[in-house]
Amino acid sequence: MTVTVGVAGLWEAEQLADVAAVTFPLACPPGSTRESIDAFVADVLSHERFGDYLSDPGRTILAARENDSVVGYAMLVHGDPADPALAAVVAHSPTMELSKLYVLPGHHGGQVARALMTAALEHASATGCAGVWLGVNQENARAQRFYAKNGFEIVGTKTFTVGTEVHDDYVMERAL
């Protein structure tokens, strides 16, 4: 399997949304309701929203592709956190948020997540960032282990709303 990672194009909005609809529920805590997950996917991860994200100069979406199919993606949000509570725990500035990093289930444990992470960190470094931060659900031990292996450390907590549910996340950060 040959996987390539590069900046996603507007023409890939539908594929990215389809990957998001499959992968986002896998990162939610076990008690999350289907209704809340579906509402989040419809509001935040729709084809239309990915079109908005891909057109936003403050965001970069990296797509992992196998042949012509998107098998994972990472979304980077440029700039320091606007939320004062987040800004207080994020030590490196300028910084970039790794907002999303998702890989289709058939590609877990392989090279796709590592390739996306490498590309995300290289992009942040190339744009002059001193660090990268992210939020990860406190019950998602698998993701936490992956981020820790990639140099991220827990620096704080925040909440994350999925539909009508409020979840607890760790804020993790790494220096570049």
N, C-alpha and C. Protein backbone atom coordinates (compact mmCIF):
# COMPACT_ATOMS: atom_id res chain seq x y z
N MET A 1 0.85 -1.18 0.00
CA MET A 1 0.00 0.00 0.00
C MET A 1 0.89 1.24 0.00
N THR A 2 0.65 2.12 -0.96
CA THR A 2 1.37 3.38 -1.02
C THR A 2 0.42 4.50 -0.64
N VAL A 3 0.77 5.22 0.40
CA VAL A 3 -0.04 6.33 0.88
C VAL A 3 0.77 7.60 0.70
N THR A 4 0.13 8.61 0.13
CA THR A 4 0.75 9.91 -0.01
C THR A 4 -0.06 10.92 0.81
N VAL A 5 0.61 11.94 1.31
CA VAL A 5 -0.05 12.99 2.08
C VAL A 5 0.26 14.33 1.43
N GLY A 6 -0.78 15.11 1.24
CA GLY A 6 -0.61 16.45 0.67
C GLY A 6 -1.79 17.32 1.04
N VAL A 7 -1.68 18.60 0.71
CA VAL A 7 -2.76 19.54 0.99
C VAL A 7 -3.98 19.14 0.18
N ALA A 8 -5.13 19.08 0.84
CA ALA A 8 -6.38 18.71 0.18
C ALA A 8 -6.88 19.85 -0.68
N GLY A 9 -7.60 19.49 -1.72
CA GLY A 9 -8.20 20.48 -2.60
C GLY A 9 -9.71 20.54 -2.41
N LEU A 10 -10.31 21.62 -2.85
CA LEU A 10 -11.74 21.83 -2.71
C LEU A 10 -12.55 20.67 -3.32
N TRP A 11 -12.05 20.08 -4.38
CA TRP A 11 -12.71 18.96 -5.04
C TRP A 11 -12.78 17.71 -4.15
N GLU A 12 -12.05 17.71 -3.03
CA GLU A 12 -12.06 16.56 -2.13
C GLU A 12 -12.98 16.73 -0.93
N ALA A 13 -13.76 17.80 -0.91
CA ALA A 13 -14.63 18.09 0.24
C ALA A 13 -15.57 16.92 0.54
N GLU A 14 -16.15 16.34 -0.48
CA GLU A 14 -17.09 15.24 -0.26
C GLU A 14 -16.39 14.00 0.31
N GLN A 15 -15.23 13.66 -0.24
CA GLN A 15 -14.49 12.51 0.28
C GLN A 15 -14.06 12.73 1.73
N LEU A 16 -13.60 13.95 2.04
CA LEU A 16 -13.18 14.25 3.41
C LEU A 16 -14.36 14.13 4.38
N ALA A 17 -15.51 14.65 3.97
CA ALA A 17 -16.70 14.55 4.83
C ALA A 17 -17.12 13.11 5.02
N ASP A 18 -16.99 12.31 3.98
CA ASP A 18 -17.34 10.89 4.10
C ASP A 18 -16.40 10.18 5.08
N VAL A 19 -15.11 10.49 5.02
CA VAL A 19 -14.15 9.91 5.97
C VAL A 19 -14.48 10.39 7.38
N ALA A 20 -14.81 11.67 7.52
CA ALA A 20 -15.15 12.22 8.84
C ALA A 20 -16.37 11.54 9.43
N ALA A 21 -17.37 11.27 8.60
CA ALA A 21 -18.61 10.64 9.09
C ALA A 21 -18.35 9.23 9.60
N VAL A 22 -17.37 8.54 9.03
CA VAL A 22 -17.02 7.19 9.47
C VAL A 22 -16.13 7.23 10.71
N THR A 23 -15.17 8.16 10.74
CA THR A 23 -14.14 8.12 11.77
C THR A 23 -14.49 8.88 13.04
N PHE A 24 -15.24 9.98 12.94
CA PHE A 24 -15.53 10.78 14.13
C PHE A 24 -16.22 9.96 15.22
N PRO A 25 -17.23 9.15 14.91
CA PRO A 25 -17.88 8.37 15.97
C PRO A 25 -16.92 7.45 16.73
N LEU A 26 -15.85 7.01 16.08
CA LEU A 26 -14.89 6.11 16.71
C LEU A 26 -14.10 6.81 17.82
N ALA A 27 -14.00 8.14 17.75
CA ALA A 27 -13.24 8.89 18.75
C ALA A 27 -14.11 9.37 19.91
N CYS A 28 -15.42 9.18 19.80
CA CYS A 28 -16.33 9.65 20.85
C CYS A 28 -16.35 8.67 22.03
N PRO A 29 -16.61 9.18 23.22
CA PRO A 29 -16.69 8.30 24.38
C PRO A 29 -17.83 7.28 24.21
N PRO A 30 -17.70 6.13 24.84
CA PRO A 30 -18.70 5.06 24.69
C PRO A 30 -20.13 5.48 25.01
N GLY A 31 -20.34 6.43 25.91
CA GLY A 31 -21.69 6.83 26.28
C GLY A 31 -22.33 7.86 25.37
N SER A 32 -21.63 8.27 24.32
CA SER A 32 -22.18 9.27 23.41
C SER A 32 -23.40 8.72 22.68
N THR A 33 -24.41 9.55 22.54
CA THR A 33 -25.62 9.09 21.84
C THR A 33 -25.44 9.26 20.34
N ARG A 34 -26.11 8.40 19.61
CA ARG A 34 -26.08 8.46 18.14
C ARG A 34 -26.63 9.81 17.67
N GLU A 35 -27.64 10.32 18.37
CA GLU A 35 -28.25 11.59 17.98
C GLU A 35 -27.24 12.74 18.09
N SER A 36 -26.48 12.77 19.18
CA SER A 36 -25.49 13.83 19.35
C SER A 36 -24.37 13.71 18.33
N ILE A 37 -23.93 12.50 18.07
CA ILE A 37 -22.88 12.29 17.07
C ILE A 37 -23.38 12.71 15.69
N ASP A 38 -24.59 12.28 15.34
CA ASP A 38 -25.14 12.63 14.03
C ASP A 38 -25.30 14.14 13.89
N ALA A 39 -25.72 14.82 14.97
CA ALA A 39 -25.88 16.27 14.93
C ALA A 39 -24.53 16.94 14.70
N PHE A 40 -23.49 16.46 15.38
CA PHE A 40 -22.16 17.03 15.21
C PHE A 40 -21.67 16.84 13.78
N VAL A 41 -21.82 15.63 13.26
CA VAL A 41 -21.38 15.35 11.89
C VAL A 41 -22.13 16.27 10.92
N ALA A 42 -23.43 16.42 11.09
CA ALA A 42 -24.23 17.27 10.20
C ALA A 42 -23.83 18.73 10.30
N ASP A 43 -23.53 19.20 11.52
CA ASP A 43 -23.21 20.62 11.73
C ASP A 43 -21.76 20.98 11.42
N VAL A 44 -20.84 20.07 11.72
CA VAL A 44 -19.41 20.42 11.69
C VAL A 44 -18.63 19.67 10.61
N LEU A 45 -19.11 18.50 10.21
CA LEU A 45 -18.33 17.66 9.31
C LEU A 45 -19.06 17.34 7.99
N SER A 46 -19.97 18.19 7.60
CA SER A 46 -20.73 17.97 6.35
C SER A 46 -19.88 18.31 5.13
N HIS A 47 -20.36 17.92 3.97
CA HIS A 47 -19.67 18.26 2.71
C HIS A 47 -19.54 19.78 2.59
N GLU A 48 -20.62 20.49 2.94
CA GLU A 48 -20.61 21.96 2.84
C GLU A 48 -19.57 22.57 3.78
N ARG A 49 -19.53 22.07 5.01
CA ARG A 49 -18.56 22.61 5.98
C ARG A 49 -17.13 22.34 5.52
N PHE A 50 -16.87 21.17 4.94
CA PHE A 50 -15.52 20.92 4.44
C PHE A 50 -15.19 21.86 3.30
N GLY A 51 -16.17 22.22 2.49
CA GLY A 51 -15.95 23.24 1.47
C GLY A 51 -15.54 24.56 2.10
N ASP A 52 -16.20 24.93 3.20
CA ASP A 52 -15.84 26.15 3.93
C ASP A 52 -14.41 26.05 4.48
N TYR A 53 -14.10 24.92 5.11
CA TYR A 53 -12.77 24.74 5.71
C TYR A 53 -11.67 24.83 4.64
N LEU A 54 -11.93 24.19 3.49
CA LEU A 54 -10.92 24.17 2.43
C LEU A 54 -10.73 25.56 1.81
N SER A 55 -11.71 26.42 1.95
CA SER A 55 -11.63 27.78 1.41
C SER A 55 -11.11 28.78 2.43
N ASP A 56 -10.93 28.36 3.65
CA ASP A 56 -10.52 29.24 4.75
C ASP A 56 -8.99 29.35 4.79
N PRO A 57 -8.43 30.55 4.57
CA PRO A 57 -6.97 30.69 4.60
C PRO A 57 -6.36 30.45 5.99
N GLY A 58 -7.18 30.40 7.03
CA GLY A 58 -6.70 30.13 8.38
C GLY A 58 -6.64 28.65 8.72
N ARG A 59 -6.96 27.81 7.74
CA ARG A 59 -6.94 26.36 7.96
C ARG A 59 -6.18 25.67 6.83
N THR A 60 -5.58 24.56 7.18
CA THR A 60 -4.97 23.68 6.19
C THR A 60 -5.47 22.28 6.45
N ILE A 61 -5.95 21.62 5.42
CA ILE A 61 -6.36 20.22 5.54
C ILE A 61 -5.39 19.39 4.73
N LEU A 62 -4.80 18.42 5.39
CA LEU A 62 -3.91 17.47 4.75
C LEU A 62 -4.68 16.18 4.52
N ALA A 63 -4.60 15.65 3.32
CA ALA A 63 -5.29 14.40 3.00
C ALA A 63 -4.28 13.29 2.79
N ALA A 64 -4.56 12.14 3.40
CA ALA A 64 -3.78 10.93 3.15
C ALA A 64 -4.54 10.17 2.07
N ARG A 65 -3.85 9.86 0.99
CA ARG A 65 -4.50 9.22 -0.15
C ARG A 65 -3.84 7.89 -0.47
N GLU A 66 -4.68 6.93 -0.75
CA GLU A 66 -4.23 5.65 -1.30
C GLU A 66 -4.88 5.57 -2.67
N ASN A 67 -4.05 5.57 -3.71
CA ASN A 67 -4.54 5.71 -5.07
C ASN A 67 -5.31 7.03 -5.15
N ASP A 68 -6.56 7.01 -5.53
CA ASP A 68 -7.34 8.25 -5.62
C ASP A 68 -8.30 8.42 -4.46
N SER A 69 -8.19 7.59 -3.43
CA SER A 69 -9.13 7.62 -2.32
C SER A 69 -8.50 8.25 -1.08
N VAL A 70 -9.26 9.14 -0.43
CA VAL A 70 -8.83 9.72 0.84
C VAL A 70 -9.07 8.68 1.93
N VAL A 71 -8.01 8.32 2.67
CA VAL A 71 -8.12 7.31 3.73
C VAL A 71 -7.89 7.91 5.11
N GLY A 72 -7.60 9.21 5.16
CA GLY A 72 -7.42 9.91 6.41
C GLY A 72 -7.16 11.37 6.15
N TYR A 73 -7.29 12.18 7.20
CA TYR A 73 -7.01 13.60 7.04
C TYR A 73 -6.61 14.21 8.38
N ALA A 74 -5.97 15.35 8.27
CA ALA A 74 -5.63 16.18 9.44
C ALA A 74 -6.04 17.60 9.12
N MET A 75 -6.66 18.27 10.09
CA MET A 75 -7.03 19.67 9.92
C MET A 75 -6.21 20.52 10.89
N LEU A 76 -5.55 21.51 10.35
CA LEU A 76 -4.73 22.42 11.14
C LEU A 76 -5.38 23.80 11.15
N VAL A 77 -5.44 24.41 12.32
CA VAL A 77 -6.00 25.75 12.46
C VAL A 77 -4.85 26.67 12.86
N HIS A 78 -4.57 27.63 12.01
CA HIS A 78 -3.45 28.54 12.22
C HIS A 78 -3.76 29.57 13.29
N GLY A 79 -2.78 29.91 14.10
CA GLY A 79 -2.92 30.98 15.08
C GLY A 79 -3.08 30.49 16.50
N ASP A 80 -2.79 31.39 17.41
CA ASP A 80 -2.91 31.10 18.83
C ASP A 80 -4.38 30.96 19.22
N PRO A 81 -4.68 30.20 20.26
CA PRO A 81 -6.08 30.00 20.67
C PRO A 81 -6.74 31.33 21.05
N ALA A 82 -7.99 31.50 20.61
CA ALA A 82 -8.75 32.70 20.94
C ALA A 82 -9.31 32.62 22.36
N ASP A 83 -9.58 31.40 22.83
CA ASP A 83 -10.13 31.19 24.17
C ASP A 83 -9.04 31.48 25.21
N PRO A 84 -9.27 32.45 26.11
CA PRO A 84 -8.25 32.80 27.11
C PRO A 84 -7.82 31.63 27.99
N ALA A 85 -8.74 30.73 28.32
CA ALA A 85 -8.38 29.57 29.15
C ALA A 85 -7.42 28.65 28.40
N LEU A 86 -7.63 28.46 27.11
CA LEU A 86 -6.71 27.64 26.31
C LEU A 86 -5.37 28.36 26.14
N ALA A 87 -5.44 29.64 25.85
CA ALA A 87 -4.21 30.42 25.68
C ALA A 87 -3.34 30.36 26.93
N ALA A 88 -3.97 30.26 28.09
CA ALA A 88 -3.22 30.22 29.36
C ALA A 88 -2.44 28.92 29.53
N VAL A 89 -2.89 27.82 28.93
CA VAL A 89 -2.19 26.54 29.11
C VAL A 89 -1.27 26.19 27.95
N VAL A 90 -1.46 26.83 26.80
CA VAL A 90 -0.61 26.57 25.64
C VAL A 90 0.63 27.46 25.78
N ALA A 91 1.78 26.82 25.91
CA ALA A 91 3.01 27.54 26.25
C ALA A 91 3.75 28.11 25.05
N HIS A 92 3.57 27.52 23.88
CA HIS A 92 4.38 27.90 22.72
C HIS A 92 3.60 28.84 21.80
N SER A 93 4.27 29.90 21.37
CA SER A 93 3.65 30.85 20.46
C SER A 93 4.72 31.37 19.51
N PRO A 94 4.40 31.49 18.24
CA PRO A 94 3.13 31.16 17.62
C PRO A 94 2.88 29.65 17.63
N THR A 95 1.61 29.31 17.56
CA THR A 95 1.22 27.90 17.62
C THR A 95 0.18 27.60 16.55
N MET A 96 -0.13 26.33 16.44
CA MET A 96 -1.14 25.86 15.51
C MET A 96 -1.90 24.74 16.20
N GLU A 97 -3.21 24.70 16.00
CA GLU A 97 -4.02 23.62 16.55
C GLU A 97 -4.11 22.47 15.55
N LEU A 98 -3.84 21.28 16.02
CA LEU A 98 -4.14 20.08 15.25
C LEU A 98 -5.57 19.72 15.63
N SER A 99 -6.51 20.25 14.86
CA SER A 99 -7.92 20.18 15.21
C SER A 99 -8.49 18.78 15.01
N LYS A 100 -8.04 18.10 13.98
CA LYS A 100 -8.54 16.76 13.69
C LYS A 100 -7.44 15.94 13.04
N LEU A 101 -7.40 14.67 13.38
CA LEU A 101 -6.53 13.71 12.70
C LEU A 101 -7.25 12.38 12.77
N TYR A 102 -7.81 11.98 11.64
CA TYR A 102 -8.65 10.78 11.59
C TYR A 102 -8.22 9.90 10.43
N VAL A 103 -8.27 8.59 10.66
CA VAL A 103 -7.87 7.60 9.67
C VAL A 103 -8.95 6.53 9.61
N LEU A 104 -9.29 6.10 8.39
CA LEU A 104 -10.30 5.05 8.25
C LEU A 104 -9.87 3.78 8.98
N PRO A 105 -10.82 3.05 9.57
CA PRO A 105 -10.51 1.88 10.38
C PRO A 105 -9.60 0.85 9.71
N GLY A 106 -9.75 0.60 8.44
CA GLY A 106 -8.90 -0.38 7.76
C GLY A 106 -7.45 0.02 7.67
N HIS A 107 -7.14 1.24 8.06
CA HIS A 107 -5.77 1.76 7.98
C HIS A 107 -5.19 2.09 9.36
N HIS A 108 -5.90 1.72 10.43
CA HIS A 108 -5.38 1.95 11.78
C HIS A 108 -4.14 1.09 12.01
N GLY A 109 -3.21 1.63 12.78
CA GLY A 109 -2.02 0.86 13.15
C GLY A 109 -0.98 0.79 12.06
N GLY A 110 -1.20 1.45 10.96
CA GLY A 110 -0.25 1.42 9.85
C GLY A 110 0.48 2.74 9.72
N GLN A 111 0.81 3.05 8.50
CA GLN A 111 1.63 4.24 8.24
C GLN A 111 0.81 5.51 8.05
N VAL A 112 -0.50 5.42 7.91
CA VAL A 112 -1.30 6.59 7.56
C VAL A 112 -1.27 7.66 8.65
N ALA A 113 -1.56 7.30 9.89
CA ALA A 113 -1.58 8.28 10.97
C ALA A 113 -0.20 8.89 11.17
N ARG A 114 0.83 8.08 11.10
CA ARG A 114 2.19 8.60 11.25
C ARG A 114 2.53 9.58 10.13
N ALA A 115 2.14 9.24 8.91
CA ALA A 115 2.41 10.12 7.77
C ALA A 115 1.65 11.45 7.91
N LEU A 116 0.40 11.39 8.36
CA LEU A 116 -0.36 12.62 8.59
C LEU A 116 0.27 13.47 9.69
N MET A 117 0.68 12.83 10.78
CA MET A 117 1.30 13.57 11.87
C MET A 117 2.60 14.23 11.42
N THR A 118 3.42 13.48 10.71
CA THR A 118 4.68 14.04 10.21
C THR A 118 4.42 15.24 9.33
N ALA A 119 3.47 15.12 8.41
CA ALA A 119 3.15 16.22 7.50
C ALA A 119 2.59 17.41 8.26
N ALA A 120 1.76 17.17 9.27
CA ALA A 120 1.18 18.26 10.06
C ALA A 120 2.27 19.01 10.81
N LEU A 121 3.18 18.29 11.44
CA LEU A 121 4.26 18.93 12.20
C LEU A 121 5.21 19.68 11.26
N GLU A 122 5.48 19.10 10.09
CA GLU A 122 6.34 19.79 9.12
C GLU A 122 5.67 21.07 8.63
N HIS A 123 4.36 21.02 8.40
CA HIS A 123 3.63 22.21 7.95
C HIS A 123 3.69 23.30 9.02
N ALA A 124 3.44 22.94 10.26
CA ALA A 124 3.48 23.92 11.35
C ALA A 124 4.87 24.53 11.47
N SER A 125 5.89 23.71 11.39
CA SER A 125 7.26 24.20 11.49
C SER A 125 7.59 25.13 10.32
N ALA A 126 7.17 24.75 9.12
CA ALA A 126 7.46 25.56 7.93
C ALA A 126 6.77 26.92 7.96
N THR A 127 5.67 27.01 8.71
CA THR A 127 4.96 28.29 8.80
C THR A 127 5.44 29.12 10.00
N GLY A 128 6.49 28.64 10.68
CA GLY A 128 7.09 29.42 11.76
C GLY A 128 6.53 29.17 13.15
N CYS A 129 5.75 28.13 13.31
CA CYS A 129 5.18 27.85 14.63
C CYS A 129 6.24 27.30 15.58
N ALA A 130 6.09 27.66 16.85
CA ALA A 130 6.98 27.16 17.90
C ALA A 130 6.42 25.89 18.54
N GLY A 131 5.12 25.63 18.31
CA GLY A 131 4.49 24.45 18.90
C GLY A 131 3.18 24.12 18.22
N VAL A 132 2.64 22.97 18.59
CA VAL A 132 1.35 22.50 18.11
C VAL A 132 0.58 21.99 19.31
N TRP A 133 -0.73 22.27 19.36
CA TRP A 133 -1.57 21.78 20.45
C TRP A 133 -2.81 21.10 19.87
N LEU A 134 -3.47 20.32 20.71
CA LEU A 134 -4.67 19.60 20.29
C LEU A 134 -5.52 19.28 21.51
N GLY A 135 -6.77 18.93 21.26
CA GLY A 135 -7.66 18.42 22.29
C GLY A 135 -7.98 16.97 21.98
N VAL A 136 -8.00 16.14 22.99
CA VAL A 136 -8.32 14.72 22.81
C VAL A 136 -9.21 14.28 23.97
N ASN A 137 -10.25 13.53 23.66
CA ASN A 137 -11.17 13.10 24.70
C ASN A 137 -10.43 12.32 25.78
N GLN A 138 -10.79 12.59 27.03
CA GLN A 138 -10.11 11.95 28.16
C GLN A 138 -10.32 10.44 28.19
N GLU A 139 -11.33 9.93 27.51
CA GLU A 139 -11.57 8.49 27.47
C GLU A 139 -10.95 7.80 26.25
N ASN A 140 -10.32 8.57 25.38
CA ASN A 140 -9.74 8.01 24.16
C ASN A 140 -8.26 7.70 24.39
N ALA A 141 -8.03 6.59 25.08
CA ALA A 141 -6.66 6.21 25.46
C ALA A 141 -5.80 5.91 24.24
N ARG A 142 -6.38 5.31 23.22
CA ARG A 142 -5.61 4.97 22.02
C ARG A 142 -5.02 6.24 21.38
N ALA A 143 -5.87 7.26 21.21
CA ALA A 143 -5.39 8.51 20.62
C ALA A 143 -4.35 9.17 21.53
N GLN A 144 -4.58 9.14 22.83
CA GLN A 144 -3.62 9.74 23.76
C GLN A 144 -2.26 9.08 23.65
N ARG A 145 -2.23 7.75 23.52
CA ARG A 145 -0.97 7.04 23.36
C ARG A 145 -0.26 7.45 22.07
N PHE A 146 -1.03 7.57 20.98
CA PHE A 146 -0.46 7.98 19.70
C PHE A 146 0.16 9.37 19.81
N TYR A 147 -0.58 10.30 20.42
CA TYR A 147 -0.06 11.67 20.54
C TYR A 147 1.17 11.70 21.45
N ALA A 148 1.16 10.95 22.54
CA ALA A 148 2.32 10.90 23.43
C ALA A 148 3.55 10.35 22.69
N LYS A 149 3.36 9.32 21.86
CA LYS A 149 4.47 8.77 21.08
C LYS A 149 5.04 9.80 20.11
N ASN A 150 4.22 10.78 19.78
CA ASN A 150 4.64 11.83 18.85
C ASN A 150 5.06 13.11 19.56
N GLY A 151 5.35 13.00 20.87
CA GLY A 151 5.94 14.10 21.60
C GLY A 151 4.98 15.06 22.29
N PHE A 152 3.69 14.76 22.26
CA PHE A 152 2.71 15.63 22.92
C PHE A 152 2.60 15.27 24.40
N GLU A 153 2.40 16.30 25.22
CA GLU A 153 2.21 16.13 26.66
C GLU A 153 0.94 16.83 27.09
N ILE A 154 0.28 16.29 28.10
CA ILE A 154 -0.93 16.92 28.63
C ILE A 154 -0.53 18.20 29.36
N VAL A 155 -1.20 19.31 28.98
CA VAL A 155 -0.90 20.60 29.60
C VAL A 155 -2.13 21.24 30.24
N GLY A 156 -3.30 20.63 30.04
CA GLY A 156 -4.51 21.20 30.61
C GLY A 156 -5.73 20.41 30.19
N THR A 157 -6.89 20.99 30.43
CA THR A 157 -8.16 20.36 30.07
C THR A 157 -9.07 21.41 29.42
N LYS A 158 -10.07 20.93 28.71
CA LYS A 158 -11.09 21.78 28.12
C LYS A 158 -12.33 20.93 27.90
N THR A 159 -13.42 21.57 27.54
CA THR A 159 -14.62 20.82 27.19
C THR A 159 -14.81 20.85 25.69
N PHE A 160 -15.57 19.87 25.20
CA PHE A 160 -15.85 19.74 23.77
C PHE A 160 -17.30 19.31 23.63
N THR A 161 -18.07 20.05 22.87
CA THR A 161 -19.49 19.77 22.74
C THR A 161 -19.77 18.95 21.49
N VAL A 162 -20.47 17.84 21.68
CA VAL A 162 -20.91 16.97 20.59
C VAL A 162 -22.43 16.93 20.66
N GLY A 163 -23.09 17.59 19.73
CA GLY A 163 -24.55 17.67 19.79
C GLY A 163 -24.97 18.38 21.06
N THR A 164 -25.70 17.65 21.91
CA THR A 164 -26.16 18.22 23.18
C THR A 164 -25.28 17.79 24.36
N GLU A 165 -24.22 17.05 24.10
CA GLU A 165 -23.37 16.51 25.16
C GLU A 165 -22.07 17.29 25.29
N VAL A 166 -21.66 17.50 26.52
CA VAL A 166 -20.38 18.17 26.79
C VAL A 166 -19.42 17.11 27.31
N HIS A 167 -18.27 17.00 26.64
CA HIS A 167 -17.26 16.00 27.00
C HIS A 167 -16.01 16.69 27.52
N ASP A 168 -15.23 15.95 28.30
CA ASP A 168 -13.98 16.45 28.84
C ASP A 168 -12.81 15.99 27.97
N ASP A 169 -12.00 16.95 27.57
CA ASP A 169 -10.81 16.69 26.76
C ASP A 169 -9.56 17.07 27.53
N TYR A 170 -8.47 16.40 27.20
CA TYR A 170 -7.15 16.86 27.60
C TYR A 170 -6.65 17.80 26.50
N VAL A 171 -5.93 18.81 26.90
CA VAL A 171 -5.18 19.65 25.97
C VAL A 171 -3.76 19.11 26.00
N MET A 172 -3.26 18.75 24.82
CA MET A 172 -1.90 18.25 24.69
C MET A 172 -1.12 19.19 23.79
N GLU A 173 0.18 19.31 24.06
CA GLU A 173 1.01 20.24 23.29
C GLU A 173 2.39 19.65 23.11
N ARG A 174 3.04 20.07 22.04
CA ARG A 174 4.45 19.73 21.84
C ARG A 174 5.15 20.90 21.20
N ALA A 175 6.41 21.04 21.53
CA ALA A 175 7.25 22.07 20.94
C ALA A 175 7.77 21.57 19.59
N LEU A 176 8.07 22.51 18.73
CA LEU A 176 8.68 22.15 17.43
C LEU A 176 10.14 22.53 17.41
